[in-house]
């Protein structure tokens, strides 16, 4: 089981190349890709998203939101911010989904390294 953030999944859907896209494509083919729910929200809210995006997303399982998720996400974001680092709420939500399920994250964004260092996020 592996997860993707919006940056890598968007790159795949746009036909871009890269090691993250290759890993993501392999995970999709093997059925081992899961998505944090906020990734679906981010992709569907993009005004430039293709009409077929919903069909693609419907084929991928979502990581369930566990009890206490919102509090843990807030605490994780606080830990990163206390270290003097910036992080967006959406990034904290993606990271916490992966942390909760002990799933590595495929991403293009370097901001997630802060969650790896301070909160236990595994990066793929």
PDB file of N, CA and C in Angstrom:
ATOM      1  N   UNK A   1       0.849  -1.168   0.000  1.00  0.00           N
ATOM      2  CA  UNK A   1       0.000   0.000   0.000  1.00  0.00           C
ATOM      3  C   UNK A   1       0.899   1.236   0.000  1.00  0.00           C
ATOM      4  N   UNK A   2       0.528   2.208  -0.832  1.00  0.00           N
ATOM      5  CA  UNK A   2       1.271   3.454  -0.956  1.00  0.00           C
ATOM      6  C   UNK A   2       0.266   4.557  -1.273  1.00  0.00           C
ATOM      7  N   UNK A   3       0.611   5.802  -0.952  1.00  0.00           N
ATOM      8  CA  UNK A   3      -0.290   6.931  -1.191  1.00  0.00           C
ATOM      9  C   UNK A   3       0.407   7.960  -2.076  1.00  0.00           C
ATOM     10  N   UNK A   4      -0.401   8.836  -2.646  1.00  0.00           N
ATOM     11  CA  UNK A   4       0.126   9.922  -3.472  1.00  0.00           C
ATOM     12  C   UNK A   4      -0.469  11.241  -3.009  1.00  0.00           C
ATOM     13  N   UNK A   5       0.318  12.283  -3.150  1.00  0.00           N
ATOM     14  CA  UNK A   5      -0.228  13.611  -2.919  1.00  0.00           C
ATOM     15  C   UNK A   5      -0.715  14.170  -4.254  1.00  0.00           C
ATOM     16  N   UNK A   6      -1.243  15.360  -4.211  1.00  0.00           N
ATOM     17  CA  UNK A   6      -1.844  15.978  -5.398  1.00  0.00           C
ATOM     18  C   UNK A   6      -0.802  16.261  -6.472  1.00  0.00           C
ATOM     19  N   UNK A   7       0.392  16.695  -6.083  1.00  0.00           N
ATOM     20  CA  UNK A   7       1.396  17.084  -7.075  1.00  0.00           C
ATOM     21  C   UNK A   7       1.785  15.924  -7.988  1.00  0.00           C
ATOM     22  N   UNK A   8       2.027  14.776  -7.421  1.00  0.00           N
ATOM     23  CA  UNK A   8       2.442  13.631  -8.240  1.00  0.00           C
ATOM     24  C   UNK A   8       1.290  13.062  -9.055  1.00  0.00           C
ATOM     25  N   UNK A   9       0.111  12.965  -8.452  1.00  0.00           N
ATOM     26  CA  UNK A   9      -1.032  12.431  -9.191  1.00  0.00           C
ATOM     27  C   UNK A   9      -1.425  13.369 -10.329  1.00  0.00           C
ATOM     28  N   UNK A  10      -1.376  14.650 -10.084  1.00  0.00           N
ATOM     29  CA  UNK A  10      -1.668  15.631 -11.134  1.00  0.00           C
ATOM     30  C   UNK A  10      -0.661  15.507 -12.272  1.00  0.00           C
ATOM     31  N   UNK A  11       0.610  15.338 -11.935  1.00  0.00           N
ATOM     32  CA  UNK A  11       1.646  15.165 -12.957  1.00  0.00           C
ATOM     33  C   UNK A  11       1.371  13.929 -13.803  1.00  0.00           C
ATOM     34  N   UNK A  12       0.988  12.837 -13.161  1.00  0.00           N
ATOM     35  CA  UNK A  12       0.661  11.612 -13.895  1.00  0.00           C
ATOM     36  C   UNK A  12      -0.502  11.848 -14.850  1.00  0.00           C
ATOM     37  N   UNK A  13      -1.541  12.482 -14.356  1.00  0.00           N
ATOM     38  CA  UNK A  13      -2.733  12.709 -15.181  1.00  0.00           C
ATOM     39  C   UNK A  13      -2.468  13.665 -16.345  1.00  0.00           C
ATOM     40  N   UNK A  14      -1.462  14.525 -16.196  1.00  0.00           N
ATOM     41  CA  UNK A  14      -1.091  15.459 -17.264  1.00  0.00           C
ATOM     42  C   UNK A  14      -0.085  14.852 -18.238  1.00  0.00           C
ATOM     43  N   UNK A  15       0.356  13.626 -17.963  1.00  0.00           N
ATOM     44  CA  UNK A  15       1.308  12.964 -18.855  1.00  0.00           C
ATOM     45  C   UNK A  15       2.749  13.380 -18.637  1.00  0.00           C
ATOM     46  N   UNK A  16       3.050  13.984 -17.490  1.00  0.00           N
ATOM     47  CA  UNK A  16       4.418  14.387 -17.197  1.00  0.00           C
ATOM     48  C   UNK A  16       5.253  13.167 -16.809  1.00  0.00           C
ATOM     49  N   UNK A  17       6.562  13.338 -16.860  1.00  0.00           N
ATOM     50  CA  UNK A  17       7.474  12.249 -16.532  1.00  0.00           C
ATOM     51  C   UNK A  17       8.172  12.511 -15.207  1.00  0.00           C
ATOM     52  N   UNK A  18       8.759  11.477 -14.665  1.00  0.00           N
ATOM     53  CA  UNK A  18       9.545  11.608 -13.445  1.00  0.00           C
ATOM     54  C   UNK A  18       9.493  10.323 -12.649  1.00  0.00           C
ATOM     55  N   UNK A  19      10.441  10.151 -11.731  1.00  0.00           N
ATOM     56  CA  UNK A  19      10.460   8.933 -10.924  1.00  0.00           C
ATOM     57  C   UNK A  19       9.203   8.774 -10.082  1.00  0.00           C
ATOM     58  N   UNK A  20       8.642   9.887  -9.619  1.00  0.00           N
ATOM     59  CA  UNK A  20       7.407   9.810  -8.829  1.00  0.00           C
ATOM     60  C   UNK A  20       6.250   9.314  -9.680  1.00  0.00           C
ATOM     61  N   UNK A  21       6.189   9.766 -10.920  1.00  0.00           N
ATOM     62  CA  UNK A  21       5.123   9.354 -11.833  1.00  0.00           C
ATOM     63  C   UNK A  21       5.262   7.871 -12.170  1.00  0.00           C
ATOM     64  N   UNK A  22       6.489   7.423 -12.384  1.00  0.00           N
ATOM     65  CA  UNK A  22       6.720   5.998 -12.670  1.00  0.00           C
ATOM     66  C   UNK A  22       6.275   5.136 -11.492  1.00  0.00           C
ATOM     67  N   UNK A  23       6.635   5.548 -10.302  1.00  0.00           N
ATOM     68  CA  UNK A  23       6.259   4.781  -9.113  1.00  0.00           C
ATOM     69  C   UNK A  23       4.746   4.793  -8.919  1.00  0.00           C
ATOM     70  N   UNK A  24       4.144   5.924  -9.167  1.00  0.00           N
ATOM     71  CA  UNK A  24       2.703   6.078  -9.046  1.00  0.00           C
ATOM     72  C   UNK A  24       1.969   5.215 -10.066  1.00  0.00           C
ATOM     73  N   UNK A  25       2.437   5.219 -11.295  1.00  0.00           N
ATOM     74  CA  UNK A  25       1.821   4.392 -12.342  1.00  0.00           C
ATOM     75  C   UNK A  25       1.902   2.907 -11.973  1.00  0.00           C
ATOM     76  N   UNK A  26       3.045   2.489 -11.449  1.00  0.00           N
ATOM     77  CA  UNK A  26       3.200   1.091 -11.035  1.00  0.00           C
ATOM     78  C   UNK A  26       2.241   0.755  -9.893  1.00  0.00           C
ATOM     79  N   UNK A  27       2.081   1.678  -8.955  1.00  0.00           N
ATOM     80  CA  UNK A  27       1.160   1.450  -7.834  1.00  0.00           C
ATOM     81  C   UNK A  27      -0.284   1.358  -8.316  1.00  0.00           C
ATOM     82  N   UNK A  28      -0.627   2.171  -9.281  1.00  0.00           N
ATOM     83  CA  UNK A  28      -1.987   2.121  -9.832  1.00  0.00           C
ATOM     84  C   UNK A  28      -2.236   0.784 -10.525  1.00  0.00           C
ATOM     85  N   UNK A  29      -1.271   0.339 -11.310  1.00  0.00           N
ATOM     86  CA  UNK A  29      -1.417  -0.929 -12.029  1.00  0.00           C
ATOM     87  C   UNK A  29      -1.533  -2.119 -11.079  1.00  0.00           C
ATOM     88  N   UNK A  30      -0.816  -2.056  -9.971  1.00  0.00           N
ATOM     89  CA  UNK A  30      -0.841  -3.171  -9.022  1.00  0.00           C
ATOM     90  C   UNK A  30      -2.013  -3.090  -8.043  1.00  0.00           C
ATOM     91  N   UNK A  31      -2.727  -1.979  -8.067  1.00  0.00           N
ATOM     92  CA  UNK A  31      -3.850  -1.803  -7.151  1.00  0.00           C
ATOM     93  C   UNK A  31      -3.431  -1.462  -5.737  1.00  0.00           C
ATOM     94  N   UNK A  32      -2.193  -1.015  -5.558  1.00  0.00           N
ATOM     95  CA  UNK A  32      -1.701  -0.711  -4.207  1.00  0.00           C
ATOM     96  C   UNK A  32      -1.759   0.773  -3.864  1.00  0.00           C
ATOM     97  N   UNK A  33      -2.302   1.597  -4.767  1.00  0.00           N
ATOM     98  CA  UNK A  33      -2.391   3.034  -4.522  1.00  0.00           C
ATOM     99  C   UNK A  33      -3.648   3.378  -3.730  1.00  0.00           C
ATOM    100  N   UNK A  34      -3.479   4.175  -2.693  1.00  0.00           N
ATOM    101  CA  UNK A  34      -4.572   4.719  -1.893  1.00  0.00           C
ATOM    102  C   UNK A  34      -4.383   6.227  -1.843  1.00  0.00           C
ATOM    103  N   UNK A  35      -5.477   6.957  -1.693  1.00  0.00           N
ATOM    104  CA  UNK A  35      -5.382   8.411  -1.638  1.00  0.00           C
ATOM    105  C   UNK A  35      -5.887   8.975  -0.320  1.00  0.00           C
ATOM    106  N   UNK A  36      -5.166   9.957   0.218  1.00  0.00           N
ATOM    107  CA  UNK A  36      -5.734  10.721   1.315  1.00  0.00           C
ATOM    108  C   UNK A  36      -6.947  11.488   0.763  1.00  0.00           C
ATOM    109  N   UNK A  37      -8.055  11.544   1.494  1.00  0.00           N
ATOM    110  CA  UNK A  37      -9.252  12.205   0.966  1.00  0.00           C
ATOM    111  C   UNK A  37      -9.048  13.637   0.483  1.00  0.00           C
ATOM    112  N   UNK A  38      -8.184  14.393   1.142  1.00  0.00           N
ATOM    113  CA  UNK A  38      -7.980  15.778   0.727  1.00  0.00           C
ATOM    114  C   UNK A  38      -7.370  15.872  -0.672  1.00  0.00           C
ATOM    115  N   UNK A  39      -6.660  14.848  -1.111  1.00  0.00           N
ATOM    116  CA  UNK A  39      -6.103  14.841  -2.469  1.00  0.00           C
ATOM    117  C   UNK A  39      -7.235  14.837  -3.497  1.00  0.00           C
ATOM    118  N   UNK A  40      -8.270  14.065  -3.233  1.00  0.00           N
ATOM    119  CA  UNK A  40      -9.427  14.034  -4.130  1.00  0.00           C
ATOM    120  C   UNK A  40     -10.063  15.423  -4.200  1.00  0.00           C
ATOM    121  N   UNK A  41     -10.222  16.060  -3.054  1.00  0.00           N
ATOM    122  CA  UNK A  41     -10.805  17.400  -3.001  1.00  0.00           C
ATOM    123  C   UNK A  41      -9.964  18.388  -3.801  1.00  0.00           C
ATOM    124  N   UNK A  42      -8.649  18.331  -3.623  1.00  0.00           N
ATOM    125  CA  UNK A  42      -7.768  19.253  -4.346  1.00  0.00           C
ATOM    126  C   UNK A  42      -7.864  19.041  -5.854  1.00  0.00           C
ATOM    127  N   UNK A  43      -7.841  17.793  -6.292  1.00  0.00           N
ATOM    128  CA  UNK A  43      -7.890  17.509  -7.729  1.00  0.00           C
ATOM    129  C   UNK A  43      -9.226  17.916  -8.348  1.00  0.00           C
ATOM    130  N   UNK A  44     -10.322  17.610  -7.666  1.00  0.00           N
ATOM    131  CA  UNK A  44     -11.639  17.938  -8.215  1.00  0.00           C
ATOM    132  C   UNK A  44     -11.926  19.437  -8.200  1.00  0.00           C
ATOM    133  N   UNK A  45     -11.259  20.183  -7.334  1.00  0.00           N
ATOM    134  CA  UNK A  45     -11.521  21.614  -7.250  1.00  0.00           C
ATOM    135  C   UNK A  45     -10.691  22.431  -8.238  1.00  0.00           C
ATOM    136  N   UNK A  46      -9.784  21.788  -8.944  1.00  0.00           N
ATOM    137  CA  UNK A  46      -8.951  22.473  -9.931  1.00  0.00           C
ATOM    138  C   UNK A  46      -9.806  22.842 -11.144  1.00  0.00           C
ATOM    139  N   UNK A  47      -9.939  24.136 -11.441  1.00  0.00           N
ATOM    140  CA  UNK A  47     -10.776  24.541 -12.583  1.00  0.00           C
ATOM    141  C   UNK A  47     -10.244  24.051 -13.932  1.00  0.00           C
ATOM    142  N   UNK A  48      -8.995  23.667 -13.988  1.00  0.00           N
ATOM    143  CA  UNK A  48      -8.408  23.178 -15.236  1.00  0.00           C
ATOM    144  C   UNK A  48      -8.421  21.656 -15.334  1.00  0.00           C
ATOM    145  N   UNK A  49      -9.012  20.992 -14.344  1.00  0.00           N
ATOM    146  CA  UNK A  49      -9.046  19.523 -14.345  1.00  0.00           C
ATOM    147  C   UNK A  49      -9.889  19.009 -15.503  1.00  0.00           C
ATOM    148  N   UNK A  50      -9.470  17.881 -16.052  1.00  0.00           N
ATOM    149  CA  UNK A  50     -10.210  17.286 -17.164  1.00  0.00           C
ATOM    150  C   UNK A  50     -11.527  16.699 -16.660  1.00  0.00           C
ATOM    151  N   UNK A  51     -12.448  16.529 -17.564  1.00  0.00           N
ATOM    152  CA  UNK A  51     -13.762  15.992 -17.209  1.00  0.00           C
ATOM    153  C   UNK A  51     -13.670  14.538 -16.746  1.00  0.00           C
ATOM    154  N   UNK A  52     -12.645  13.831 -17.165  1.00  0.00           N
ATOM    155  CA  UNK A  52     -12.515  12.415 -16.822  1.00  0.00           C
ATOM    156  C   UNK A  52     -11.849  12.180 -15.464  1.00  0.00           C
ATOM    157  N   UNK A  53     -11.479  13.243 -14.783  1.00  0.00           N
ATOM    158  CA  UNK A  53     -10.767  13.082 -13.508  1.00  0.00           C
ATOM    159  C   UNK A  53     -11.590  12.285 -12.499  1.00  0.00           C
ATOM    160  N   UNK A  54     -12.883  12.520 -12.464  1.00  0.00           N
ATOM    161  CA  UNK A  54     -13.740  11.792 -11.518  1.00  0.00           C
ATOM    162  C   UNK A  54     -13.695  10.291 -11.773  1.00  0.00           C
ATOM    163  N   UNK A  55     -13.660   9.906 -13.036  1.00  0.00           N
ATOM    164  CA  UNK A  55     -13.590   8.484 -13.387  1.00  0.00           C
ATOM    165  C   UNK A  55     -12.281   7.864 -12.900  1.00  0.00           C
ATOM    166  N   UNK A  56     -11.186   8.580 -13.071  1.00  0.00           N
ATOM    167  CA  UNK A  56      -9.883   8.086 -12.615  1.00  0.00           C
ATOM    168  C   UNK A  56      -9.877   7.935 -11.094  1.00  0.00           C
ATOM    169  N   UNK A  57     -10.375   8.950 -10.413  1.00  0.00           N
ATOM    170  CA  UNK A  57     -10.352   8.942  -8.951  1.00  0.00           C
ATOM    171  C   UNK A  57     -11.263   7.869  -8.361  1.00  0.00           C
ATOM    172  N   UNK A  58     -12.350   7.579  -9.034  1.00  0.00           N
ATOM    173  CA  UNK A  58     -13.294   6.571  -8.534  1.00  0.00           C
ATOM    174  C   UNK A  58     -12.674   5.174  -8.496  1.00  0.00           C
ATOM    175  N   UNK A  59     -11.597   4.973  -9.224  1.00  0.00           N
ATOM    176  CA  UNK A  59     -10.946   3.667  -9.282  1.00  0.00           C
ATOM    177  C   UNK A  59      -9.888   3.482  -8.189  1.00  0.00           C
ATOM    178  N   UNK A  60      -9.654   4.516  -7.379  1.00  0.00           N
ATOM    179  CA  UNK A  60      -8.613   4.477  -6.364  1.00  0.00           C
ATOM    180  C   UNK A  60      -9.252   4.525  -4.974  1.00  0.00           C
ATOM    181  N   UNK A  61      -8.806   3.640  -4.096  1.00  0.00           N
ATOM    182  CA  UNK A  61      -9.322   3.591  -2.727  1.00  0.00           C
ATOM    183  C   UNK A  61      -8.871   4.817  -1.939  1.00  0.00           C
ATOM    184  N   UNK A  62      -9.708   5.237  -0.987  1.00  0.00           N
ATOM    185  CA  UNK A  62      -9.367   6.339  -0.096  1.00  0.00           C
ATOM    186  C   UNK A  62      -8.903   5.802   1.255  1.00  0.00           C
ATOM    187  N   UNK A  63      -7.925   6.473   1.829  1.00  0.00           N
ATOM    188  CA  UNK A  63      -7.513   6.152   3.193  1.00  0.00           C
ATOM    189  C   UNK A  63      -8.621   6.636   4.126  1.00  0.00           C
ATOM    190  N   UNK A  64      -9.163   5.767   4.952  1.00  0.00           N
ATOM    191  CA  UNK A  64     -10.239   6.181   5.853  1.00  0.00           C
ATOM    192  C   UNK A  64      -9.747   7.214   6.877  1.00  0.00           C
ATOM    193  N   UNK A  65     -10.632   8.116   7.231  1.00  0.00           N
ATOM    194  CA  UNK A  65     -10.329   9.079   8.287  1.00  0.00           C
ATOM    195  C   UNK A  65     -10.650   8.406   9.620  1.00  0.00           C
ATOM    196  N   UNK A  66      -9.648   8.325  10.480  1.00  0.00           N
ATOM    197  CA  UNK A  66      -9.781   7.649  11.766  1.00  0.00           C
ATOM    198  C   UNK A  66     -10.189   8.637  12.859  1.00  0.00           C
ATOM    199  N   UNK A  67     -10.786   8.124  13.918  1.00  0.00           N
ATOM    200  CA  UNK A  67     -11.147   8.958  15.061  1.00  0.00           C
ATOM    201  C   UNK A  67      -9.918   9.711  15.553  1.00  0.00           C
ATOM    202  N   UNK A  68     -10.092  10.985  15.833  1.00  0.00           N
ATOM    203  CA  UNK A  68      -9.010  11.823  16.324  1.00  0.00           C
ATOM    204  C   UNK A  68      -8.101  12.385  15.242  1.00  0.00           C
ATOM    205  N   UNK A  69      -8.437  12.102  13.985  1.00  0.00           N
ATOM    206  CA  UNK A  69      -7.615  12.539  12.842  1.00  0.00           C
ATOM    207  C   UNK A  69      -7.383  14.046  12.851  1.00  0.00           C
ATOM    208  N   UNK A  70      -8.440  14.803  13.017  1.00  0.00           N
ATOM    209  CA  UNK A  70      -8.329  16.264  12.922  1.00  0.00           C
ATOM    210  C   UNK A  70      -7.417  16.819  14.016  1.00  0.00           C
ATOM    211  N   UNK A  71      -7.508  16.266  15.200  1.00  0.00           N
ATOM    212  CA  UNK A  71      -6.647  16.706  16.290  1.00  0.00           C
ATOM    213  C   UNK A  71      -5.185  16.333  16.012  1.00  0.00           C
ATOM    214  N   UNK A  72      -4.965  15.102  15.540  1.00  0.00           N
ATOM    215  CA  UNK A  72      -3.600  14.680  15.234  1.00  0.00           C
ATOM    216  C   UNK A  72      -3.009  15.515  14.102  1.00  0.00           C
ATOM    217  N   UNK A  73      -3.812  15.828  13.105  1.00  0.00           N
ATOM    218  CA  UNK A  73      -3.330  16.666  11.997  1.00  0.00           C
ATOM    219  C   UNK A  73      -2.933  18.051  12.509  1.00  0.00           C
ATOM    220  N   UNK A  74      -3.752  18.603  13.396  1.00  0.00           N
ATOM    221  CA  UNK A  74      -3.418  19.906  13.989  1.00  0.00           C
ATOM    222  C   UNK A  74      -2.148  19.831  14.811  1.00  0.00           C
ATOM    223  N   UNK A  75      -1.995  18.767  15.579  1.00  0.00           N
ATOM    224  CA  UNK A  75      -0.785  18.610  16.392  1.00  0.00           C
ATOM    225  C   UNK A  75       0.449  18.427  15.516  1.00  0.00           C
ATOM    226  N   UNK A  76       0.312  17.693  14.431  1.00  0.00           N
ATOM    227  CA  UNK A  76       1.439  17.502  13.512  1.00  0.00           C
ATOM    228  C   UNK A  76       1.843  18.821  12.874  1.00  0.00           C
ATOM    229  N   UNK A  77       0.852  19.572  12.439  1.00  0.00           N
ATOM    230  CA  UNK A  77       1.150  20.876  11.830  1.00  0.00           C
ATOM    231  C   UNK A  77       1.806  21.797  12.850  1.00  0.00           C
ATOM    232  N   UNK A  78       1.322  21.751  14.078  1.00  0.00           N
ATOM    233  CA  UNK A  78       1.910  22.566  15.137  1.00  0.00           C
ATOM    234  C   UNK A  78       3.383  22.188  15.351  1.00  0.00           C
ATOM    235  N   UNK A  79       3.688  20.902  15.332  1.00  0.00           N
ATOM    236  CA  UNK A  79       5.081  20.452  15.506  1.00  0.00           C
ATOM    237  C   UNK A  79       5.983  21.011  14.417  1.00  0.00           C
ATOM    238  N   UNK A  80       5.493  20.989  13.193  1.00  0.00           N
ATOM    239  CA  UNK A  80       6.281  21.524  12.075  1.00  0.00           C
ATOM    240  C   UNK A  80       6.452  23.034  12.224  1.00  0.00           C
ATOM    241  N   UNK A  81       5.378  23.726  12.575  1.00  0.00           N
ATOM    242  CA  UNK A  81       5.448  25.180  12.724  1.00  0.00           C
ATOM    243  C   UNK A  81       6.320  25.577  13.919  1.00  0.00           C
ATOM    244  N   UNK A  82       6.288  24.787  14.996  1.00  0.00           N
ATOM    245  CA  UNK A  82       7.151  25.076  16.159  1.00  0.00           C
ATOM    246  C   UNK A  82       8.626  24.967  15.798  1.00  0.00           C
ATOM    247  N   UNK A  83       8.914  24.157  14.802  1.00  0.00           N
ATOM    248  CA  UNK A  83      10.296  24.020  14.336  1.00  0.00           C
ATOM    249  C   UNK A  83      10.692  25.189  13.430  1.00  0.00           C
ATOM    250  N   UNK A  84       9.775  26.149  13.269  1.00  0.00           N
ATOM    251  CA  UNK A  84      10.059  27.327  12.450  1.00  0.00           C
ATOM    252  C   UNK A  84       9.850  27.108  10.974  1.00  0.00           C
ATOM    253  N   UNK A  85       9.098  26.074  10.627  1.00  0.00           N
ATOM    254  CA  UNK A  85       8.880  25.729   9.218  1.00  0.00           C
ATOM    255  C   UNK A  85       7.445  26.036   8.823  1.00  0.00           C
ATOM    256  N   UNK A  86       7.261  26.362   7.575  1.00  0.00           N
ATOM    257  CA  UNK A  86       5.918  26.640   7.075  1.00  0.00           C
ATOM    258  C   UNK A  86       5.295  25.364   6.526  1.00  0.00           C
ATOM    259  N   UNK A  87       3.990  25.256   6.706  1.00  0.00           N
ATOM    260  CA  UNK A  87       3.268  24.137   6.116  1.00  0.00           C
ATOM    261  C   UNK A  87       1.805  24.517   5.973  1.00  0.00           C
ATOM    262  N   UNK A  88       1.240  24.101   4.873  1.00  0.00           N
ATOM    263  CA  UNK A  88      -0.164  24.401   4.602  1.00  0.00           C
ATOM    264  C   UNK A  88      -1.050  23.361   5.283  1.00  0.00           C
ATOM    265  N   UNK A  89      -2.291  23.755   5.532  1.00  0.00           N
ATOM    266  CA  UNK A  89      -3.245  22.846   6.166  1.00  0.00           C
ATOM    267  C   UNK A  89      -3.434  21.596   5.316  1.00  0.00           C
ATOM    268  N   UNK A  90      -3.580  21.754   4.012  1.00  0.00           N
ATOM    269  CA  UNK A  90      -3.794  20.587   3.144  1.00  0.00           C
ATOM    270  C   UNK A  90      -2.626  19.612   3.247  1.00  0.00           C
ATOM    271  N   UNK A  91      -1.412  20.121   3.332  1.00  0.00           N
ATOM    272  CA  UNK A  91      -0.248  19.254   3.483  1.00  0.00           C
ATOM    273  C   UNK A  91      -0.284  18.480   4.790  1.00  0.00           C
ATOM    274  N   UNK A  92      -0.704  19.152   5.854  1.00  0.00           N
ATOM    275  CA  UNK A  92      -0.826  18.482   7.149  1.00  0.00           C
ATOM    276  C   UNK A  92      -1.869  17.380   7.087  1.00  0.00           C
ATOM    277  N   UNK A  93      -2.967  17.608   6.373  1.00  0.00           N
ATOM    278  CA  UNK A  93      -4.028  16.609   6.255  1.00  0.00           C
ATOM    279  C   UNK A  93      -3.558  15.396   5.445  1.00  0.00           C
ATOM    280  N   UNK A  94      -2.842  15.646   4.374  1.00  0.00           N
ATOM    281  CA  UNK A  94      -2.288  14.551   3.573  1.00  0.00           C
ATOM    282  C   UNK A  94      -1.305  13.747   4.420  1.00  0.00           C
ATOM    283  N   UNK A  95      -0.395  14.450   5.063  1.00  0.00           N
ATOM    284  CA  UNK A  95       0.617  13.776   5.883  1.00  0.00           C
ATOM    285  C   UNK A  95      -0.031  12.939   6.980  1.00  0.00           C
ATOM    286  N   UNK A  96      -1.019  13.499   7.670  1.00  0.00           N
ATOM    287  CA  UNK A  96      -1.635  12.772   8.771  1.00  0.00           C
ATOM    288  C   UNK A  96      -2.370  11.527   8.302  1.00  0.00           C
ATOM    289  N   UNK A  97      -3.020  11.597   7.147  1.00  0.00           N
ATOM    290  CA  UNK A  97      -3.675  10.406   6.593  1.00  0.00           C
ATOM    291  C   UNK A  97      -2.667   9.284   6.415  1.00  0.00           C
ATOM    292  N   UNK A  98      -1.504   9.633   5.888  1.00  0.00           N
ATOM    293  CA  UNK A  98      -0.467   8.626   5.653  1.00  0.00           C
ATOM    294  C   UNK A  98       0.136   8.126   6.961  1.00  0.00           C
ATOM    295  N   UNK A  99       0.373   9.033   7.897  1.00  0.00           N
ATOM    296  CA  UNK A  99       0.927   8.652   9.191  1.00  0.00           C
ATOM    297  C   UNK A  99      -0.031   7.700   9.901  1.00  0.00           C
ATOM    298  N   UNK A 100      -1.317   8.037   9.892  1.00  0.00           N
ATOM    299  CA  UNK A 100      -2.317   7.213  10.573  1.00  0.00           C
ATOM    300  C   UNK A 100      -2.344   5.781  10.053  1.00  0.00           C
ATOM    301  N   UNK A 101      -2.080   5.603   8.763  1.00  0.00           N
ATOM    302  CA  UNK A 101      -2.171   4.273   8.151  1.00  0.00           C
ATOM    303  C   UNK A 101      -0.796   3.657   7.876  1.00  0.00           C
ATOM    304  N   UNK A 102       0.268   4.330   8.332  1.00  0.00           N
ATOM    305  CA  UNK A 102       1.628   3.845   8.155  1.00  0.00           C
ATOM    306  C   UNK A 102       1.914   3.549   6.677  1.00  0.00           C
ATOM    307  N   UNK A 103       1.545   4.517   5.831  1.00  0.00           N
ATOM    308  CA  UNK A 103       1.678   4.389   4.383  1.00  0.00           C
ATOM    309  C   UNK A 103       2.679   5.432   3.881  1.00  0.00           C
ATOM    310  N   UNK A 104       3.593   5.016   3.033  1.00  0.00           N
ATOM    311  CA  UNK A 104       4.557   5.949   2.446  1.00  0.00           C
ATOM    312  C   UNK A 104       3.853   6.836   1.421  1.00  0.00           C
ATOM    313  N   UNK A 105       4.354   8.052   1.281  1.00  0.00           N
ATOM    314  CA  UNK A 105       3.757   9.048   0.387  1.00  0.00           C
ATOM    315  C   UNK A 105       4.657   9.314  -0.813  1.00  0.00           C
ATOM    316  N   UNK A 106       4.071   9.227  -1.996  1.00  0.00           N
ATOM    317  CA  UNK A 106       4.732   9.646  -3.236  1.00  0.00           C
ATOM    318  C   UNK A 106       4.406  11.125  -3.415  1.00  0.00           C
ATOM    319  N   UNK A 107       5.423  11.952  -3.587  1.00  0.00           N
ATOM    320  CA  UNK A 107       5.199  13.389  -3.715  1.00  0.00           C
ATOM    321  C   UNK A 107       6.316  14.073  -4.480  1.00  0.00           C
ATOM    322  N   UNK A 108       5.985  15.204  -5.060  1.00  0.00           N
ATOM    323  CA  UNK A 108       6.974  16.073  -5.690  1.00  0.00           C
ATOM    324  C   UNK A 108       7.327  17.241  -4.774  1.00  0.00           C
ATOM    325  N   UNK A 109       6.507  17.467  -3.762  1.00  0.00           N
ATOM    326  CA  UNK A 109       6.699  18.623  -2.885  1.00  0.00           C
ATOM    327  C   UNK A 109       7.692  18.323  -1.772  1.00  0.00           C
ATOM    328  N   UNK A 110       8.677  19.183  -1.647  1.00  0.00           N
ATOM    329  CA  UNK A 110       9.689  19.002  -0.616  1.00  0.00           C
ATOM    330  C   UNK A 110       9.179  19.368   0.777  1.00  0.00           C
ATOM    331  N   UNK A 111       8.056  20.069   0.862  1.00  0.00           N
ATOM    332  CA  UNK A 111       7.516  20.444   2.178  1.00  0.00           C
ATOM    333  C   UNK A 111       7.199  19.222   3.036  1.00  0.00           C
ATOM    334  N   UNK A 112       6.895  18.109   2.422  1.00  0.00           N
ATOM    335  CA  UNK A 112       6.540  16.912   3.188  1.00  0.00           C
ATOM    336  C   UNK A 112       7.719  16.355   3.972  1.00  0.00           C
ATOM    337  N   UNK A 113       8.940  16.746   3.604  1.00  0.00           N
ATOM    338  CA  UNK A 113      10.106  16.265   4.355  1.00  0.00           C
ATOM    339  C   UNK A 113      10.063  16.753   5.798  1.00  0.00           C
ATOM    340  N   UNK A 114       9.402  17.891   6.040  1.00  0.00           N
ATOM    341  CA  UNK A 114       9.269  18.401   7.408  1.00  0.00           C
ATOM    342  C   UNK A 114       8.392  17.471   8.247  1.00  0.00           C
ATOM    343  N   UNK A 115       7.341  16.933   7.634  1.00  0.00           N
ATOM    344  CA  UNK A 115       6.485  15.981   8.346  1.00  0.00           C
ATOM    345  C   UNK A 115       7.216  14.659   8.562  1.00  0.00           C
ATOM    346  N   UNK A 116       8.122  14.329   7.640  1.00  0.00           N
ATOM    347  CA  UNK A 116       8.927  13.118   7.817  1.00  0.00           C
ATOM    348  C   UNK A 116       9.881  13.299   9.003  1.00  0.00           C
ATOM    349  N   UNK A 117      10.511  14.443   9.077  1.00  0.00           N
ATOM    350  CA  UNK A 117      11.483  14.693  10.135  1.00  0.00           C
ATOM    351  C   UNK A 117      10.832  14.865  11.503  1.00  0.00           C
ATOM    352  N   UNK A 118       9.705  15.555  11.567  1.00  0.00           N
ATOM    353  CA  UNK A 118       9.120  15.931  12.860  1.00  0.00           C
ATOM    354  C   UNK A 118       7.917  15.106  13.289  1.00  0.00           C
ATOM    355  N   UNK A 119       7.318  14.329  12.369  1.00  0.00           N
ATOM    356  CA  UNK A 119       6.057  13.658  12.699  1.00  0.00           C
ATOM    357  C   UNK A 119       6.014  12.175  12.325  1.00  0.00           C
ATOM    358  N   UNK A 120       7.029  11.670  11.703  1.00  0.00           N
ATOM    359  CA  UNK A 120       7.056  10.245  11.373  1.00  0.00           C
ATOM    360  C   UNK A 120       6.474   9.858  10.029  1.00  0.00           C
ATOM    361  N   UNK A 121       6.217  10.823   9.155  1.00  0.00           N
ATOM    362  CA  UNK A 121       5.737  10.504   7.807  1.00  0.00           C
ATOM    363  C   UNK A 121       6.802   9.742   7.047  1.00  0.00           C
ATOM    364  N   UNK A 122       6.392   8.715   6.327  1.00  0.00           N
ATOM    365  CA  UNK A 122       7.305   7.957   5.465  1.00  0.00           C
ATOM    366  C   UNK A 122       7.158   8.491   4.045  1.00  0.00           C
ATOM    367  N   UNK A 123       8.282   8.816   3.430  1.00  0.00           N
ATOM    368  CA  UNK A 123       8.273   9.268   2.045  1.00  0.00           C
ATOM    369  C   UNK A 123       8.732   8.132   1.142  1.00  0.00           C
ATOM    370  N   UNK A 124       8.058   7.998   0.001  1.00  0.00           N
ATOM    371  CA  UNK A 124       8.392   6.914  -0.940  1.00  0.00           C
ATOM    372  C   UNK A 124       9.597   7.317  -1.778  1.00  0.00           C
TER     373      UNK A 124
END
